[in-house]
Every structure is written in structure tokens, then in C-alpha cells.
Amino acid sequence: MRGRIIGKIEEGRKISDIERDFDIADSVVSRLRKSFKTTGMCSRRPGGGRVRSTTPAEDRCIVLSAKRNRRTTAEQVANQFLAASGKQISRKTVARRLRGGGLYARRPVVLCPIDQTAPYCPFAMVS
């Protein structure tokens, strides 16, 4: 869309016509025009933030190794990854990559006994 807007600007169309054609605010078109004039490009700048420690291919490898053996912990998967690739990653990174791959850790819920003869349960609702 940015390229098409720049094309219309270079054709000599008015900003008001361009904003109507694309149904966007005139400030967006003006800013794009100004940016294109100064830099000669219409692409966005790369976003900020920390660079990821693993590539998408490595992420798939982490998820695959966890799926092969469902009982391995994130720590064990991190150690397997270190042995395979020589790259050190943390347990939290593994957990995040598994979550991204649709795998979630589950913990058993502490439940109270249902019968009345059972000892006091702090989780039971008071009536």
C-alpha cells in the first residue's frame, strides 16, 4: 500500500485525493511523502527490541524434541539443545518456545476430599 501511495504522489495527485482513495488520514500520507523525500524509501524501519536467541528453525527443533518425549522437562530440552547445536539457552526460553508451539505445562490441582468425615480443607468454601 505504501508503494501505491508513493506512486500516486509521484504522479502528481493531491494528498486529499490520495487520502480519499485509500481511506486513510491525510497526516499518514503527508508523513509518508516527507519520509520518502528525505530517505528515498517507503519501507518501515525495523522495530526495536532484543534479538531472539533462537531462529525459527531452532524453535521448531525444540518443539519437536519435546513432542518426541513428552515427559522431558524444559531443563532437559535445553541441555539436549546445547548438545545438538552448541548454543546455550535457558529453561525459560525453552518454555516460551514450547508455549509458542502449542505445548503447555500442566500441574495437578490440589483438590479437597468430598466426604464430610475428611479432615479440614482450607480450600473448601464456607457456607
Foldseek 3Di string as FASTA:
>chain_A
DLVVLVVCVVVVDDLVVSCVVVVHDSVVSVVQVVVCVVPVDNDDDDDDDDDDQDDPVVLVVLLVVCVVPVPDALQVSQVVSCVVPVRHDDSVSSQVSNVVVVDHDDDDDDDDDDDPVDDDDPVDDDD
